[in-house]
Amino acid sequence: MAKMQWKKSSPALIARFAAALPDDPKIQRRSMFGYPCSFVNGNFFTGLHQENVVVRLPGDARGPGVSPRQSRDLRPDGHGQRDEGLVDGAGWHHEK
């Protein structure tokens, strides 16, 4: 079975992602699997994967544009998180 090749996030998406995060000392910005992401109290809450934004939300908090999915293709070990949604980075924008 051929391995799926992951693409790096574009510099523009990385910049939008960084600008969207609030300035809060509780937020830890770091990299996971080579993609920028953010943690609070050691728990993942948002990050990038290729040209997508991954957000950690309970199922009842998802709105339009956030598709429920398991992240099996995001983690090399094949174990996904149930409370993650994927937002297409091409149409994503933020307001502070």
C-alpha atoms as a PDB file:
ATOM      1  CA  MET A   1       0.000   0.000   0.000  1.00  0.00           C
ATOM      2  CA  ALA A   2       1.403   3.399  -1.012  1.00  0.00           C
ATOM      3  CA  LYS A   3       1.787   6.047   1.670  1.00  0.00           C
ATOM      4  CA  MET A   4      -0.215   9.239   1.297  1.00  0.00           C
ATOM      5  CA  GLN A   5       2.000  12.279   0.730  1.00  0.00           C
ATOM      6  CA  TRP A   6       1.136  15.225   2.946  1.00  0.00           C
ATOM      7  CA  LYS A   7       1.627  18.710   1.553  1.00  0.00           C
ATOM      8  CA  LYS A   8       2.913  21.624   3.584  1.00  0.00           C
ATOM      9  CA  SER A   9       0.451  24.386   4.439  1.00  0.00           C
ATOM     10  CA  SER A  10       0.872  27.502   2.330  1.00  0.00           C
ATOM     11  CA  PRO A  11       2.685  30.490   3.884  1.00  0.00           C
ATOM     12  CA  ALA A  12      -0.508  32.557   3.459  1.00  0.00           C
ATOM     13  CA  LEU A  13      -2.605  30.060   5.438  1.00  0.00           C
ATOM     14  CA  ILE A  14       0.076  29.805   8.136  1.00  0.00           C
ATOM     15  CA  ALA A  15       0.091  33.604   8.469  1.00  0.00           C
ATOM     16  CA  ARG A  16      -3.743  33.772   8.687  1.00  0.00           C
ATOM     17  CA  PHE A  17      -3.738  30.998  11.270  1.00  0.00           C
ATOM     18  CA  ALA A  18      -1.106  32.741  13.420  1.00  0.00           C
ATOM     19  CA  ALA A  19      -2.955  36.073  13.198  1.00  0.00           C
ATOM     20  CA  ALA A  20      -6.258  34.449  14.201  1.00  0.00           C
ATOM     21  CA  LEU A  21      -4.971  33.088  17.500  1.00  0.00           C
ATOM     22  CA  PRO A  22      -5.628  35.335  20.480  1.00  0.00           C
ATOM     23  CA  ASP A  23      -2.758  36.702  22.534  1.00  0.00           C
ATOM     24  CA  ASP A  24      -3.328  34.610  25.633  1.00  0.00           C
ATOM     25  CA  PRO A  25      -0.604  33.126  27.826  1.00  0.00           C
ATOM     26  CA  LYS A  26      -2.683  29.932  28.196  1.00  0.00           C
ATOM     27  CA  ILE A  27      -2.250  29.173  24.483  1.00  0.00           C
ATOM     28  CA  GLN A  28       0.835  27.201  23.545  1.00  0.00           C
ATOM     29  CA  ARG A  29       1.825  27.471  19.898  1.00  0.00           C
ATOM     30  CA  ARG A  30       3.822  24.533  18.634  1.00  0.00           C
ATOM     31  CA  SER A  31       4.212  22.143  15.746  1.00  0.00           C
ATOM     32  CA  MET A  32       2.619  18.706  15.370  1.00  0.00           C
ATOM     33  CA  PHE A  33       3.556  16.472  12.431  1.00  0.00           C
ATOM     34  CA  GLY A  34       5.215  19.530  10.878  1.00  0.00           C
ATOM     35  CA  TYR A  35       2.073  21.696  10.991  1.00  0.00           C
ATOM     36  CA  PRO A  36       1.407  24.715  13.237  1.00  0.00           C
ATOM     37  CA  CYS A  37      -1.064  24.025  16.015  1.00  0.00           C
ATOM     38  CA  SER A  38      -2.222  25.349  19.370  1.00  0.00           C
ATOM     39  CA  PHE A  39      -2.820  23.790  22.757  1.00  0.00           C
ATOM     40  CA  VAL A  40      -4.479  24.931  25.986  1.00  0.00           C
ATOM     41  CA  ASN A  41      -3.495  23.167  29.204  1.00  0.00           C
ATOM     42  CA  GLY A  42      -1.693  20.592  27.064  1.00  0.00           C
ATOM     43  CA  ASN A  43      -4.803  19.799  24.996  1.00  0.00           C
ATOM     44  CA  PHE A  44      -4.948  20.328  21.232  1.00  0.00           C
ATOM     45  CA  PHE A  45      -7.663  22.764  20.166  1.00  0.00           C
ATOM     46  CA  THR A  46      -6.733  23.921  16.650  1.00  0.00           C
ATOM     47  CA  GLY A  47      -4.100  23.462  13.982  1.00  0.00           C
ATOM     48  CA  LEU A  48      -3.395  23.160  10.303  1.00  0.00           C
ATOM     49  CA  HIS A  49      -3.242  20.095   8.091  1.00  0.00           C
ATOM     50  CA  GLN A  50      -2.244  20.718   4.490  1.00  0.00           C
ATOM     51  CA  GLU A  51      -4.611  23.509   3.342  1.00  0.00           C
ATOM     52  CA  ASN A  52      -7.180  22.868   6.074  1.00  0.00           C
ATOM     53  CA  VAL A  53      -7.816  24.152   9.583  1.00  0.00           C
ATOM     54  CA  VAL A  54      -8.547  21.436  12.144  1.00  0.00           C
ATOM     55  CA  VAL A  55     -10.665  22.539  15.101  1.00  0.00           C
ATOM     56  CA  ARG A  56     -11.561  20.616  18.229  1.00  0.00           C
ATOM     57  CA  LEU A  57     -15.274  21.063  18.899  1.00  0.00           C
ATOM     58  CA  PRO A  58     -17.967  18.923  20.438  1.00  0.00           C
ATOM     59  CA  GLY A  59     -20.389  17.636  17.809  1.00  0.00           C
ATOM     60  CA  ASP A  60     -23.235  19.927  18.853  1.00  0.00           C
ATOM     61  CA  ALA A  61     -21.021  23.046  18.521  1.00  0.00           C
ATOM     62  CA  ARG A  62     -20.195  22.576  14.839  1.00  0.00           C
ATOM     63  CA  GLY A  63     -21.672  25.118  12.480  1.00  0.00           C
ATOM     64  CA  PRO A  64     -21.777  25.541   8.715  1.00  0.00           C
ATOM     65  CA  GLY A  65     -18.420  24.927   7.074  1.00  0.00           C
ATOM     66  CA  VAL A  66     -17.130  22.548   9.744  1.00  0.00           C
ATOM     67  CA  SER A  67     -17.518  18.938   8.693  1.00  0.00           C
ATOM     68  CA  PRO A  68     -17.490  16.243  11.371  1.00  0.00           C
ATOM     69  CA  ARG A  69     -14.801  13.666  10.720  1.00  0.00           C
ATOM     70  CA  GLN A  70     -12.437  11.395  12.449  1.00  0.00           C
ATOM     71  CA  SER A  71      -8.827  12.342  11.937  1.00  0.00           C
ATOM     72  CA  ARG A  72      -7.519   8.899  10.998  1.00  0.00           C
ATOM     73  CA  ASP A  73      -5.727  10.286   7.944  1.00  0.00           C
ATOM     74  CA  LEU A  74      -4.177  13.092  10.029  1.00  0.00           C
ATOM     75  CA  ARG A  75      -2.240  10.879  12.441  1.00  0.00           C
ATOM     76  CA  PRO A  76       0.342   8.294  11.432  1.00  0.00           C
ATOM     77  CA  ASP A  77      -0.768   5.855  14.154  1.00  0.00           C
ATOM     78  CA  GLY A  78      -4.283   5.649  12.674  1.00  0.00           C
ATOM     79  CA  HIS A  79      -6.104   6.725  15.831  1.00  0.00           C
ATOM     80  CA  GLY A  80      -8.428   9.698  15.419  1.00  0.00           C
ATOM     81  CA  GLN A  81     -10.218  12.115  17.692  1.00  0.00           C
ATOM     82  CA  ARG A  82     -14.009  12.154  17.596  1.00  0.00           C
ATOM     83  CA  ASP A  83     -14.425  15.853  18.393  1.00  0.00           C
ATOM     84  CA  GLU A  84     -12.484  17.319  15.493  1.00  0.00           C
ATOM     85  CA  GLY A  85     -13.826  19.228  12.524  1.00  0.00           C
ATOM     86  CA  LEU A  86     -12.093  20.226   9.337  1.00  0.00           C
ATOM     87  CA  VAL A  87     -12.459  23.666   7.733  1.00  0.00           C
ATOM     88  CA  ASP A  88     -11.308  24.301   4.173  1.00  0.00           C
ATOM     89  CA  GLY A  89      -8.459  26.798   4.509  1.00  0.00           C
ATOM     90  CA  ALA A  90      -9.210  28.349   1.101  1.00  0.00           C
ATOM     91  CA  GLY A  91     -12.497  29.813   2.306  1.00  0.00           C
ATOM     92  CA  TRP A  92     -11.544  30.375   5.925  1.00  0.00           C
ATOM     93  CA  HIS A  93     -11.212  33.840   7.377  1.00  0.00           C
ATOM     94  CA  HIS A  94     -11.114  35.186  10.902  1.00  0.00           C
ATOM     95  CA  GLU A  95     -12.258  38.236  12.773  1.00  0.00           C
ATOM     96  CA  LYS A  96     -10.692  39.318  16.038  1.00  0.00           C
END
